[in-house]
């Protein structure tokens, strides 16, 4: 019985460590610009990393995609990326190509800050 409790505690500790390490990315502070491929061409973004190494802001600099798709996806993706401090977020349904382009551009900017 004592071994079973020890294994249970060990598994719980491992799980806690795994979950607390997720999303704890830190990056070099700065402002990084990058490009991703949207539905109608390049999507260019600027990603601001603060002095604590966290994604603070994302600005859409250029996007030739339909304004409706951009509006439907950018704000949601921006919010998700900033809250998770990661570009590993879901695309917005109905604006998939634009979403993937925005996410790709942000991911490319983040790579510069690693």
PDB file of N, CA and C in Angstrom:
ATOM      1  N   UNK A   1       0.819  -1.200   0.000  1.00  0.00           N
ATOM      2  CA  UNK A   1       0.000   0.000   0.000  1.00  0.00           C
ATOM      3  C   UNK A   1       0.862   1.263   0.000  1.00  0.00           C
ATOM      4  N   UNK A   2       1.984   1.202   0.728  1.00  0.00           N
ATOM      5  CA  UNK A   2       2.854   2.358   0.812  1.00  0.00           C
ATOM      6  C   UNK A   2       3.477   2.677  -0.553  1.00  0.00           C
ATOM      7  N   UNK A   3       3.845   1.635  -1.341  1.00  0.00           N
ATOM      8  CA  UNK A   3       4.410   1.850  -2.669  1.00  0.00           C
ATOM      9  C   UNK A   3       3.397   2.511  -3.586  1.00  0.00           C
ATOM     10  N   UNK A   4       2.137   2.104  -3.462  1.00  0.00           N
ATOM     11  CA  UNK A   4       1.084   2.679  -4.314  1.00  0.00           C
ATOM     12  C   UNK A   4       0.936   4.177  -4.035  1.00  0.00           C
ATOM     13  N   UNK A   5       0.953   4.563  -2.787  1.00  0.00           N
ATOM     14  CA  UNK A   5       0.869   5.984  -2.424  1.00  0.00           C
ATOM     15  C   UNK A   5       2.080   6.760  -2.929  1.00  0.00           C
ATOM     16  N   UNK A   6       3.251   6.160  -2.843  1.00  0.00           N
ATOM     17  CA  UNK A   6       4.472   6.807  -3.326  1.00  0.00           C
ATOM     18  C   UNK A   6       4.391   7.045  -4.831  1.00  0.00           C
ATOM     19  N   UNK A   7       3.932   6.043  -5.566  1.00  0.00           N
ATOM     20  CA  UNK A   7       3.791   6.186  -7.019  1.00  0.00           C
ATOM     21  C   UNK A   7       2.749   7.245  -7.371  1.00  0.00           C
ATOM     22  N   UNK A   8       1.657   7.271  -6.636  1.00  0.00           N
ATOM     23  CA  UNK A   8       0.615   8.261  -6.884  1.00  0.00           C
ATOM     24  C   UNK A   8       1.148   9.670  -6.666  1.00  0.00           C
ATOM     25  N   UNK A   9       1.869   9.862  -5.588  1.00  0.00           N
ATOM     26  CA  UNK A   9       2.452  11.177  -5.290  1.00  0.00           C
ATOM     27  C   UNK A   9       3.472  11.559  -6.357  1.00  0.00           C
ATOM     28  N   UNK A  10       4.291  10.607  -6.769  1.00  0.00           N
ATOM     29  CA  UNK A  10       5.290  10.868  -7.806  1.00  0.00           C
ATOM     30  C   UNK A  10       4.619  11.270  -9.121  1.00  0.00           C
ATOM     31  N   UNK A  11       3.573  10.587  -9.502  1.00  0.00           N
ATOM     32  CA  UNK A  11       2.838  10.918 -10.728  1.00  0.00           C
ATOM     33  C   UNK A  11       2.219  12.298 -10.624  1.00  0.00           C
ATOM     34  N   UNK A  12       1.643  12.635  -9.482  1.00  0.00           N
ATOM     35  CA  UNK A  12       1.055  13.958  -9.288  1.00  0.00           C
ATOM     36  C   UNK A  12       2.109  15.062  -9.391  1.00  0.00           C
ATOM     37  N   UNK A  13       3.271  14.837  -8.832  1.00  0.00           N
ATOM     38  CA  UNK A  13       4.351  15.827  -8.909  1.00  0.00           C
ATOM     39  C   UNK A  13       4.778  16.033 -10.360  1.00  0.00           C
ATOM     40  N   UNK A  14       4.912  14.948 -11.094  1.00  0.00           N
ATOM     41  CA  UNK A  14       5.292  15.052 -12.506  1.00  0.00           C
ATOM     42  C   UNK A  14       4.236  15.821 -13.290  1.00  0.00           C
ATOM     43  N   UNK A  15       2.973  15.534 -13.052  1.00  0.00           N
ATOM     44  CA  UNK A  15       1.897  16.234 -13.745  1.00  0.00           C
ATOM     45  C   UNK A  15       1.897  17.729 -13.425  1.00  0.00           C
ATOM     46  N   UNK A  16       2.094  18.067 -12.168  1.00  0.00           N
ATOM     47  CA  UNK A  16       2.140  19.477 -11.777  1.00  0.00           C
ATOM     48  C   UNK A  16       3.295  20.183 -12.479  1.00  0.00           C
ATOM     49  N   UNK A  17       4.450  19.544 -12.523  1.00  0.00           N
ATOM     50  CA  UNK A  17       5.603  20.143 -13.199  1.00  0.00           C
ATOM     51  C   UNK A  17       5.350  20.322 -14.685  1.00  0.00           C
ATOM     52  N   UNK A  18       4.720  19.347 -15.305  1.00  0.00           N
ATOM     53  CA  UNK A  18       4.411  19.463 -16.734  1.00  0.00           C
ATOM     54  C   UNK A  18       3.443  20.605 -17.005  1.00  0.00           C
ATOM     55  N   UNK A  19       2.393  20.698 -16.222  1.00  0.00           N
ATOM     56  CA  UNK A  19       1.394  21.733 -16.454  1.00  0.00           C
ATOM     57  C   UNK A  19       1.895  23.129 -16.117  1.00  0.00           C
ATOM     58  N   UNK A  20       2.734  23.252 -15.126  1.00  0.00           N
ATOM     59  CA  UNK A  20       3.219  24.586 -14.772  1.00  0.00           C
ATOM     60  C   UNK A  20       4.296  25.059 -15.723  1.00  0.00           C
ATOM     61  N   UNK A  21       4.940  24.142 -16.426  1.00  0.00           N
ATOM     62  CA  UNK A  21       5.964  24.567 -17.381  1.00  0.00           C
ATOM     63  C   UNK A  21       5.354  24.963 -18.721  1.00  0.00           C
ATOM     64  N   UNK A  22       4.132  24.543 -19.011  1.00  0.00           N
ATOM     65  CA  UNK A  22       3.483  24.904 -20.271  1.00  0.00           C
ATOM     66  C   UNK A  22       3.118  26.380 -20.271  1.00  0.00           C
ATOM     67  N   UNK A  23       3.420  27.072 -21.358  1.00  0.00           N
ATOM     68  CA  UNK A  23       3.044  28.477 -21.479  1.00  0.00           C
ATOM     69  C   UNK A  23       3.962  29.431 -20.741  1.00  0.00           C
ATOM     70  N   UNK A  24       5.062  28.924 -20.195  1.00  0.00           N
ATOM     71  CA  UNK A  24       5.988  29.790 -19.469  1.00  0.00           C
ATOM     72  C   UNK A  24       7.139  30.224 -20.358  1.00  0.00           C
ATOM     73  N   UNK A  25       6.850  30.409 -21.625  1.00  0.00           N
ATOM     74  CA  UNK A  25       7.877  30.853 -22.556  1.00  0.00           C
ATOM     75  C   UNK A  25       8.320  32.257 -22.193  1.00  0.00           C
ATOM     76  N   UNK A  26       9.608  32.476 -22.283  1.00  0.00           N
ATOM     77  CA  UNK A  26      10.118  33.843 -22.147  1.00  0.00           C
ATOM     78  C   UNK A  26      10.986  34.128 -23.357  1.00  0.00           C
ATOM     79  N   UNK A  27      10.908  35.342 -23.817  1.00  0.00           N
ATOM     80  CA  UNK A  27      11.596  35.760 -25.029  1.00  0.00           C
ATOM     81  C   UNK A  27      12.442  36.992 -24.743  1.00  0.00           C
ATOM     82  N   UNK A  28      13.344  37.303 -25.685  1.00  0.00           N
ATOM     83  CA  UNK A  28      14.164  38.515 -25.557  1.00  0.00           C
ATOM     84  C   UNK A  28      13.290  39.729 -25.825  1.00  0.00           C
ATOM     85  N   UNK A  29      13.387  40.715 -24.968  1.00  0.00           N
ATOM     86  CA  UNK A  29      12.586  41.933 -25.105  1.00  0.00           C
ATOM     87  C   UNK A  29      12.913  42.632 -26.417  1.00  0.00           C
ATOM     88  N   UNK A  30      11.888  43.210 -27.009  1.00  0.00           N
ATOM     89  CA  UNK A  30      12.081  43.953 -28.242  1.00  0.00           C
ATOM     90  C   UNK A  30      10.815  43.971 -29.078  1.00  0.00           C
ATOM     91  N   UNK A  31      10.922  44.594 -30.226  1.00  0.00           N
ATOM     92  CA  UNK A  31       9.811  44.677 -31.166  1.00  0.00           C
ATOM     93  C   UNK A  31      10.247  43.928 -32.424  1.00  0.00           C
ATOM     94  N   UNK A  32       9.500  42.911 -32.798  1.00  0.00           N
ATOM     95  CA  UNK A  32       9.894  42.039 -33.898  1.00  0.00           C
ATOM     96  C   UNK A  32       8.829  42.053 -34.988  1.00  0.00           C
ATOM     97  N   UNK A  33       9.255  42.193 -36.232  1.00  0.00           N
ATOM     98  CA  UNK A  33       8.344  42.163 -37.372  1.00  0.00           C
ATOM     99  C   UNK A  33       8.584  40.892 -38.167  1.00  0.00           C
ATOM    100  N   UNK A  34       7.491  40.332 -38.694  1.00  0.00           N
ATOM    101  CA  UNK A  34       7.605  39.122 -39.502  1.00  0.00           C
ATOM    102  C   UNK A  34       6.390  38.993 -40.411  1.00  0.00           C
ATOM    103  N   UNK A  35       6.488  38.027 -41.319  1.00  0.00           N
ATOM    104  CA  UNK A  35       5.474  37.840 -42.347  1.00  0.00           C
ATOM    105  C   UNK A  35       4.955  36.405 -42.316  1.00  0.00           C
ATOM    106  N   UNK A  36       3.659  36.264 -42.630  1.00  0.00           N
ATOM    107  CA  UNK A  36       3.026  34.968 -42.830  1.00  0.00           C
ATOM    108  C   UNK A  36       2.223  35.025 -44.115  1.00  0.00           C
ATOM    109  N   UNK A  37       1.783  33.879 -44.593  1.00  0.00           N
ATOM    110  CA  UNK A  37       1.018  33.809 -45.839  1.00  0.00           C
ATOM    111  C   UNK A  37      -0.476  33.782 -45.544  1.00  0.00           C
ATOM    112  N   UNK A  38      -1.184  34.795 -46.023  1.00  0.00           N
ATOM    113  CA  UNK A  38      -2.635  34.856 -45.880  1.00  0.00           C
ATOM    114  C   UNK A  38      -3.323  34.350 -47.132  1.00  0.00           C
ATOM    115  N   UNK A  39      -4.614  34.514 -47.188  1.00  0.00           N
ATOM    116  CA  UNK A  39      -5.407  34.066 -48.333  1.00  0.00           C
ATOM    117  C   UNK A  39      -5.035  34.837 -49.606  1.00  0.00           C
ATOM    118  N   UNK A  40      -4.818  36.144 -49.482  1.00  0.00           N
ATOM    119  CA  UNK A  40      -4.553  36.995 -50.647  1.00  0.00           C
ATOM    120  C   UNK A  40      -3.144  37.568 -50.676  1.00  0.00           C
ATOM    121  N   UNK A  41      -2.230  36.958 -49.976  1.00  0.00           N
ATOM    122  CA  UNK A  41      -0.855  37.457 -49.971  1.00  0.00           C
ATOM    123  C   UNK A  41      -0.277  37.514 -48.570  1.00  0.00           C
ATOM    124  N   UNK A  42       0.800  38.261 -48.442  1.00  0.00           N
ATOM    125  CA  UNK A  42       1.523  38.336 -47.168  1.00  0.00           C
ATOM    126  C   UNK A  42       0.723  39.077 -46.096  1.00  0.00           C
ATOM    127  N   UNK A  43       0.910  38.600 -44.872  1.00  0.00           N
ATOM    128  CA  UNK A  43       0.385  39.270 -43.679  1.00  0.00           C
ATOM    129  C   UNK A  43       1.609  39.647 -42.856  1.00  0.00           C
ATOM    130  N   UNK A  44       1.736  40.919 -42.535  1.00  0.00           N
ATOM    131  CA  UNK A  44       2.892  41.411 -41.786  1.00  0.00           C
ATOM    132  C   UNK A  44       2.438  41.896 -40.420  1.00  0.00           C
ATOM    133  N   UNK A  45       3.130  41.445 -39.384  1.00  0.00           N
ATOM    134  CA  UNK A  45       2.793  41.829 -38.013  1.00  0.00           C
ATOM    135  C   UNK A  45       4.023  42.347 -37.291  1.00  0.00           C
ATOM    136  N   UNK A  46       3.766  43.042 -36.201  1.00  0.00           N
ATOM    137  CA  UNK A  46       4.793  43.479 -35.277  1.00  0.00           C
ATOM    138  C   UNK A  46       4.421  42.919 -33.905  1.00  0.00           C
ATOM    139  N   UNK A  47       5.374  42.264 -33.262  1.00  0.00           N
ATOM    140  CA  UNK A  47       5.134  41.658 -31.947  1.00  0.00           C
ATOM    141  C   UNK A  47       6.044  42.332 -30.937  1.00  0.00           C
ATOM    142  N   UNK A  48       5.445  42.859 -29.886  1.00  0.00           N
ATOM    143  CA  UNK A  48       6.193  43.522 -28.824  1.00  0.00           C
ATOM    144  C   UNK A  48       6.377  42.567 -27.652  1.00  0.00           C
ATOM    145  N   UNK A  49       7.633  42.317 -27.305  1.00  0.00           N
ATOM    146  CA  UNK A  49       7.984  41.496 -26.142  1.00  0.00           C
ATOM    147  C   UNK A  49       8.461  42.442 -25.054  1.00  0.00           C
ATOM    148  N   UNK A  50       7.833  42.358 -23.880  1.00  0.00           N
ATOM    149  CA  UNK A  50       8.187  43.287 -22.801  1.00  0.00           C
ATOM    150  C   UNK A  50       9.460  42.854 -22.069  1.00  0.00           C
ATOM    151  N   UNK A  51       9.872  43.651 -21.101  1.00  0.00           N
ATOM    152  CA  UNK A  51      11.120  43.395 -20.379  1.00  0.00           C
ATOM    153  C   UNK A  51      11.076  42.123 -19.529  1.00  0.00           C
ATOM    154  N   UNK A  52       9.880  41.590 -19.307  1.00  0.00           N
ATOM    155  CA  UNK A  52       9.741  40.331 -18.564  1.00  0.00           C
ATOM    156  C   UNK A  52       9.753  39.128 -19.498  1.00  0.00           C
ATOM    157  N   UNK A  53       9.931  39.386 -20.804  1.00  0.00           N
ATOM    158  CA  UNK A  53      10.002  38.296 -21.765  1.00  0.00           C
ATOM    159  C   UNK A  53       8.655  37.760 -22.202  1.00  0.00           C
ATOM    160  N   UNK A  54       7.620  38.542 -22.001  1.00  0.00           N
ATOM    161  CA  UNK A  54       6.261  38.119 -22.345  1.00  0.00           C
ATOM    162  C   UNK A  54       5.737  38.917 -23.544  1.00  0.00           C
ATOM    163  N   UNK A  55       4.866  38.274 -24.310  1.00  0.00           N
ATOM    164  CA  UNK A  55       4.242  38.949 -25.441  1.00  0.00           C
ATOM    165  C   UNK A  55       3.276  39.982 -24.892  1.00  0.00           C
ATOM    166  N   UNK A  56       3.535  41.240 -25.199  1.00  0.00           N
ATOM    167  CA  UNK A  56       2.726  42.324 -24.663  1.00  0.00           C
ATOM    168  C   UNK A  56       1.695  42.840 -25.669  1.00  0.00           C
ATOM    169  N   UNK A  57       2.086  42.900 -26.941  1.00  0.00           N
ATOM    170  CA  UNK A  57       1.168  43.444 -27.936  1.00  0.00           C
ATOM    171  C   UNK A  57       1.495  42.876 -29.305  1.00  0.00           C
ATOM    172  N   UNK A  58       0.481  42.824 -30.151  1.00  0.00           N
ATOM    173  CA  UNK A  58       0.633  42.405 -31.539  1.00  0.00           C
ATOM    174  C   UNK A  58      -0.088  43.434 -32.388  1.00  0.00           C
ATOM    175  N   UNK A  59       0.608  43.924 -33.396  1.00  0.00           N
ATOM    176  CA  UNK A  59       0.014  44.916 -34.288  1.00  0.00           C
ATOM    177  C   UNK A  59      -0.003  44.344 -35.702  1.00  0.00           C
ATOM    178  N   UNK A  60      -1.124  44.487 -36.365  1.00  0.00           N
ATOM    179  CA  UNK A  60      -1.254  44.055 -37.753  1.00  0.00           C
ATOM    180  C   UNK A  60      -0.781  45.206 -38.635  1.00  0.00           C
ATOM    181  N   UNK A  61       0.317  45.003 -39.345  1.00  0.00           N
ATOM    182  CA  UNK A  61       0.909  46.059 -40.161  1.00  0.00           C
ATOM    183  C   UNK A  61       0.396  46.047 -41.597  1.00  0.00           C
ATOM    184  N   UNK A  62       0.178  44.859 -42.125  1.00  0.00           N
ATOM    185  CA  UNK A  62      -0.267  44.748 -43.511  1.00  0.00           C
ATOM    186  C   UNK A  62      -1.007  43.431 -43.709  1.00  0.00           C
ATOM    187  N   UNK A  63      -2.137  43.503 -44.404  1.00  0.00           N
ATOM    188  CA  UNK A  63      -2.902  42.303 -44.719  1.00  0.00           C
ATOM    189  C   UNK A  63      -3.813  42.609 -45.897  1.00  0.00           C
ATOM    190  N   UNK A  64      -3.667  41.842 -46.960  1.00  0.00           N
ATOM    191  CA  UNK A  64      -4.470  42.045 -48.160  1.00  0.00           C
ATOM    192  C   UNK A  64      -5.738  41.191 -48.168  1.00  0.00           C
ATOM    193  N   UNK A  65      -5.941  40.402 -47.132  1.00  0.00           N
ATOM    194  CA  UNK A  65      -7.131  39.566 -47.043  1.00  0.00           C
ATOM    195  C   UNK A  65      -8.374  40.417 -46.845  1.00  0.00           C
ATOM    196  N   UNK A  66      -9.508  39.820 -47.106  1.00  0.00           N
ATOM    197  CA  UNK A  66     -10.797  40.483 -46.954  1.00  0.00           C
ATOM    198  C   UNK A  66     -10.924  41.041 -45.542  1.00  0.00           C
ATOM    199  N   UNK A  67     -11.300  42.311 -45.458  1.00  0.00           N
ATOM    200  CA  UNK A  67     -11.406  42.985 -44.162  1.00  0.00           C
ATOM    201  C   UNK A  67     -12.312  42.237 -43.184  1.00  0.00           C
ATOM    202  N   UNK A  68     -13.354  41.625 -43.704  1.00  0.00           N
ATOM    203  CA  UNK A  68     -14.285  40.871 -42.868  1.00  0.00           C
ATOM    204  C   UNK A  68     -13.583  39.703 -42.171  1.00  0.00           C
ATOM    205  N   UNK A  69     -12.735  38.984 -42.912  1.00  0.00           N
ATOM    206  CA  UNK A  69     -12.002  37.855 -42.339  1.00  0.00           C
ATOM    207  C   UNK A  69     -10.953  38.336 -41.339  1.00  0.00           C
ATOM    208  N   UNK A  70     -10.316  39.461 -41.662  1.00  0.00           N
ATOM    209  CA  UNK A  70      -9.308  40.011 -40.765  1.00  0.00           C
ATOM    210  C   UNK A  70      -9.951  40.412 -39.442  1.00  0.00           C
ATOM    211  N   UNK A  71     -11.073  41.125 -39.520  1.00  0.00           N
ATOM    212  CA  UNK A  71     -11.777  41.542 -38.299  1.00  0.00           C
ATOM    213  C   UNK A  71     -12.225  40.334 -37.486  1.00  0.00           C
ATOM    214  N   UNK A  72     -12.692  39.290 -38.178  1.00  0.00           N
ATOM    215  CA  UNK A  72     -13.194  38.100 -37.490  1.00  0.00           C
ATOM    216  C   UNK A  72     -12.095  37.336 -36.769  1.00  0.00           C
ATOM    217  N   UNK A  73     -10.859  37.467 -37.247  1.00  0.00           N
ATOM    218  CA  UNK A  73      -9.815  36.628 -36.684  1.00  0.00           C
ATOM    219  C   UNK A  73      -8.759  37.360 -35.854  1.00  0.00           C
ATOM    220  N   UNK A  74      -8.334  38.535 -36.257  1.00  0.00           N
ATOM    221  CA  UNK A  74      -7.177  39.162 -35.619  1.00  0.00           C
ATOM    222  C   UNK A  74      -7.364  39.405 -34.122  1.00  0.00           C
ATOM    223  N   UNK A  75      -8.435  40.031 -33.722  1.00  0.00           N
ATOM    224  CA  UNK A  75      -8.617  40.355 -32.297  1.00  0.00           C
ATOM    225  C   UNK A  75      -8.631  39.105 -31.427  1.00  0.00           C
ATOM    226  N   UNK A  76      -9.304  38.057 -31.893  1.00  0.00           N
ATOM    227  CA  UNK A  76      -9.393  36.807 -31.120  1.00  0.00           C
ATOM    228  C   UNK A  76      -8.020  36.142 -31.022  1.00  0.00           C
ATOM    229  N   UNK A  77      -7.328  36.064 -32.145  1.00  0.00           N
ATOM    230  CA  UNK A  77      -6.004  35.440 -32.148  1.00  0.00           C
ATOM    231  C   UNK A  77      -5.034  36.238 -31.278  1.00  0.00           C
ATOM    232  N   UNK A  78      -5.067  37.546 -31.409  1.00  0.00           N
ATOM    233  CA  UNK A  78      -4.201  38.410 -30.598  1.00  0.00           C
ATOM    234  C   UNK A  78      -4.435  38.156 -29.112  1.00  0.00           C
ATOM    235  N   UNK A  79      -5.683  38.142 -28.715  1.00  0.00           N
ATOM    236  CA  UNK A  79      -6.039  37.905 -27.307  1.00  0.00           C
ATOM    237  C   UNK A  79      -5.532  36.544 -26.833  1.00  0.00           C
ATOM    238  N   UNK A  80      -5.746  35.513 -27.651  1.00  0.00           N
ATOM    239  CA  UNK A  80      -5.321  34.161 -27.276  1.00  0.00           C
ATOM    240  C   UNK A  80      -3.799  34.058 -27.157  1.00  0.00           C
ATOM    241  N   UNK A  81      -3.080  34.628 -28.121  1.00  0.00           N
ATOM    242  CA  UNK A  81      -1.618  34.558 -28.105  1.00  0.00           C
ATOM    243  C   UNK A  81      -1.050  35.292 -26.900  1.00  0.00           C
ATOM    244  N   UNK A  82      -1.566  36.474 -26.621  1.00  0.00           N
ATOM    245  CA  UNK A  82      -1.062  37.236 -25.474  1.00  0.00           C
ATOM    246  C   UNK A  82      -1.373  36.520 -24.162  1.00  0.00           C
ATOM    247  N   UNK A  83      -2.579  35.983 -24.026  1.00  0.00           N
ATOM    248  CA  UNK A  83      -2.929  35.315 -22.765  1.00  0.00           C
ATOM    249  C   UNK A  83      -2.145  34.023 -22.555  1.00  0.00           C
ATOM    250  N   UNK A  84      -1.809  33.319 -23.644  1.00  0.00           N
ATOM    251  CA  UNK A  84      -1.043  32.071 -23.534  1.00  0.00           C
ATOM    252  C   UNK A  84       0.465  32.299 -23.639  1.00  0.00           C
ATOM    253  N   UNK A  85       0.851  33.506 -24.059  1.00  0.00           N
ATOM    254  CA  UNK A  85       2.251  33.835 -24.314  1.00  0.00           C
ATOM    255  C   UNK A  85       2.867  32.820 -25.282  1.00  0.00           C
ATOM    256  N   UNK A  86       2.073  32.481 -26.298  1.00  0.00           N
ATOM    257  CA  UNK A  86       2.489  31.480 -27.272  1.00  0.00           C
ATOM    258  C   UNK A  86       1.668  31.641 -28.544  1.00  0.00           C
ATOM    259  N   UNK A  87       2.278  31.312 -29.673  1.00  0.00           N
ATOM    260  CA  UNK A  87       1.553  31.353 -30.940  1.00  0.00           C
ATOM    261  C   UNK A  87       0.836  30.034 -31.224  1.00  0.00           C
ATOM    262  N   UNK A  88       0.859  29.123 -30.293  1.00  0.00           N
ATOM    263  CA  UNK A  88       0.173  27.837 -30.446  1.00  0.00           C
ATOM    264  C   UNK A  88      -1.290  27.994 -30.038  1.00  0.00           C
ATOM    265  N   UNK A  89      -2.060  28.613 -30.936  1.00  0.00           N
ATOM    266  CA  UNK A  89      -3.478  28.861 -30.702  1.00  0.00           C
ATOM    267  C   UNK A  89      -4.271  28.345 -31.901  1.00  0.00           C
ATOM    268  N   UNK A  90      -5.569  28.234 -31.730  1.00  0.00           N
ATOM    269  CA  UNK A  90      -6.441  27.752 -32.789  1.00  0.00           C
ATOM    270  C   UNK A  90      -6.782  28.864 -33.764  1.00  0.00           C
ATOM    271  N   UNK A  91      -6.985  28.464 -35.029  1.00  0.00           N
ATOM    272  CA  UNK A  91      -7.468  29.388 -36.048  1.00  0.00           C
ATOM    273  C   UNK A  91      -8.942  29.678 -35.780  1.00  0.00           C
ATOM    274  N   UNK A  92      -9.408  30.810 -36.278  1.00  0.00           N
ATOM    275  CA  UNK A  92     -10.808  31.192 -36.129  1.00  0.00           C
ATOM    276  C   UNK A  92     -11.606  30.562 -37.261  1.00  0.00           C
ATOM    277  N   UNK A  93     -12.642  29.833 -36.902  1.00  0.00           N
ATOM    278  CA  UNK A  93     -13.498  29.179 -37.889  1.00  0.00           C
ATOM    279  C   UNK A  93     -14.145  30.223 -38.792  1.00  0.00           C
ATOM    280  N   UNK A  94     -14.144  29.962 -40.092  1.00  0.00           N
ATOM    281  CA  UNK A  94     -14.716  30.889 -41.046  1.00  0.00           C
ATOM    282  C   UNK A  94     -13.701  31.872 -41.604  1.00  0.00           C
ATOM    283  N   UNK A  95     -12.549  31.948 -40.969  1.00  0.00           N
ATOM    284  CA  UNK A  95     -11.456  32.810 -41.443  1.00  0.00           C
ATOM    285  C   UNK A  95     -10.144  32.045 -41.302  1.00  0.00           C
ATOM    286  N   UNK A  96     -10.177  30.793 -41.689  1.00  0.00           N
ATOM    287  CA  UNK A  96      -9.051  29.891 -41.437  1.00  0.00           C
ATOM    288  C   UNK A  96      -7.760  30.334 -42.118  1.00  0.00           C
ATOM    289  N   UNK A  97      -7.809  30.656 -43.394  1.00  0.00           N
ATOM    290  CA  UNK A  97      -6.584  31.043 -44.112  1.00  0.00           C
ATOM    291  C   UNK A  97      -5.967  32.308 -43.524  1.00  0.00           C
ATOM    292  N   UNK A  98      -6.808  33.284 -43.243  1.00  0.00           N
ATOM    293  CA  UNK A  98      -6.317  34.528 -42.638  1.00  0.00           C
ATOM    294  C   UNK A  98      -5.757  34.253 -41.247  1.00  0.00           C
ATOM    295  N   UNK A  99      -6.470  33.448 -40.470  1.00  0.00           N
ATOM    296  CA  UNK A  99      -6.011  33.102 -39.123  1.00  0.00           C
ATOM    297  C   UNK A  99      -4.652  32.428 -39.157  1.00  0.00           C
ATOM    298  N   UNK A 100      -4.511  31.457 -40.034  1.00  0.00           N
ATOM    299  CA  UNK A 100      -3.244  30.730 -40.123  1.00  0.00           C
ATOM    300  C   UNK A 100      -2.107  31.656 -40.551  1.00  0.00           C
ATOM    301  N   UNK A 101      -2.402  32.608 -41.427  1.00  0.00           N
ATOM    302  CA  UNK A 101      -1.385  33.572 -41.842  1.00  0.00           C
ATOM    303  C   UNK A 101      -0.953  34.477 -40.701  1.00  0.00           C
ATOM    304  N   UNK A 102      -1.921  34.911 -39.908  1.00  0.00           N
ATOM    305  CA  UNK A 102      -1.604  35.756 -38.737  1.00  0.00           C
ATOM    306  C   UNK A 102      -0.765  34.967 -37.745  1.00  0.00           C
ATOM    307  N   UNK A 103      -1.190  33.743 -37.462  1.00  0.00           N
ATOM    308  CA  UNK A 103      -0.470  32.896 -36.509  1.00  0.00           C
ATOM    309  C   UNK A 103       0.945  32.616 -37.013  1.00  0.00           C
ATOM    310  N   UNK A 104       1.079  32.339 -38.309  1.00  0.00           N
ATOM    311  CA  UNK A 104       2.401  32.095 -38.896  1.00  0.00           C
ATOM    312  C   UNK A 104       3.293  33.328 -38.756  1.00  0.00           C
ATOM    313  N   UNK A 105       2.756  34.495 -39.035  1.00  0.00           N
ATOM    314  CA  UNK A 105       3.534  35.728 -38.926  1.00  0.00           C
ATOM    315  C   UNK A 105       3.991  35.959 -37.487  1.00  0.00           C
ATOM    316  N   UNK A 106       3.077  35.785 -36.533  1.00  0.00           N
ATOM    317  CA  UNK A 106       3.438  35.950 -35.121  1.00  0.00           C
ATOM    318  C   UNK A 106       4.493  34.918 -34.714  1.00  0.00           C
ATOM    319  N   UNK A 107       4.302  33.685 -35.154  1.00  0.00           N
ATOM    320  CA  UNK A 107       5.266  32.632 -34.841  1.00  0.00           C
ATOM    321  C   UNK A 107       6.653  32.987 -35.384  1.00  0.00           C
ATOM    322  N   UNK A 108       6.704  33.513 -36.599  1.00  0.00           N
ATOM    323  CA  UNK A 108       7.981  33.912 -37.198  1.00  0.00           C
ATOM    324  C   UNK A 108       8.626  35.060 -36.422  1.00  0.00           C
ATOM    325  N   UNK A 109       7.811  35.973 -35.919  1.00  0.00           N
ATOM    326  CA  UNK A 109       8.341  37.067 -35.092  1.00  0.00           C
ATOM    327  C   UNK A 109       8.888  36.526 -33.766  1.00  0.00           C
ATOM    328  N   UNK A 110       8.148  35.620 -33.167  1.00  0.00           N
ATOM    329  CA  UNK A 110       8.577  35.044 -31.887  1.00  0.00           C
ATOM    330  C   UNK A 110       9.891  34.292 -32.039  1.00  0.00           C
ATOM    331  N   UNK A 111      10.070  33.608 -33.157  1.00  0.00           N
ATOM    332  CA  UNK A 111      11.319  32.871 -33.389  1.00  0.00           C
ATOM    333  C   UNK A 111      12.532  33.806 -33.328  1.00  0.00           C
ATOM    334  N   UNK A 112      12.337  35.034 -33.762  1.00  0.00           N
ATOM    335  CA  UNK A 112      13.430  36.020 -33.707  1.00  0.00           C
ATOM    336  C   UNK A 112      13.776  36.382 -32.263  1.00  0.00           C
ATOM    337  N   UNK A 113      12.810  36.233 -31.372  1.00  0.00           N
ATOM    338  CA  UNK A 113      13.002  36.616 -29.970  1.00  0.00           C
ATOM    339  C   UNK A 113      13.470  35.464 -29.085  1.00  0.00           C
ATOM    340  N   UNK A 114      13.619  34.294 -29.664  1.00  0.00           N
ATOM    341  CA  UNK A 114      14.040  33.141 -28.861  1.00  0.00           C
ATOM    342  C   UNK A 114      15.523  33.151 -28.587  1.00  0.00           C
TER     343      UNK A 114
END
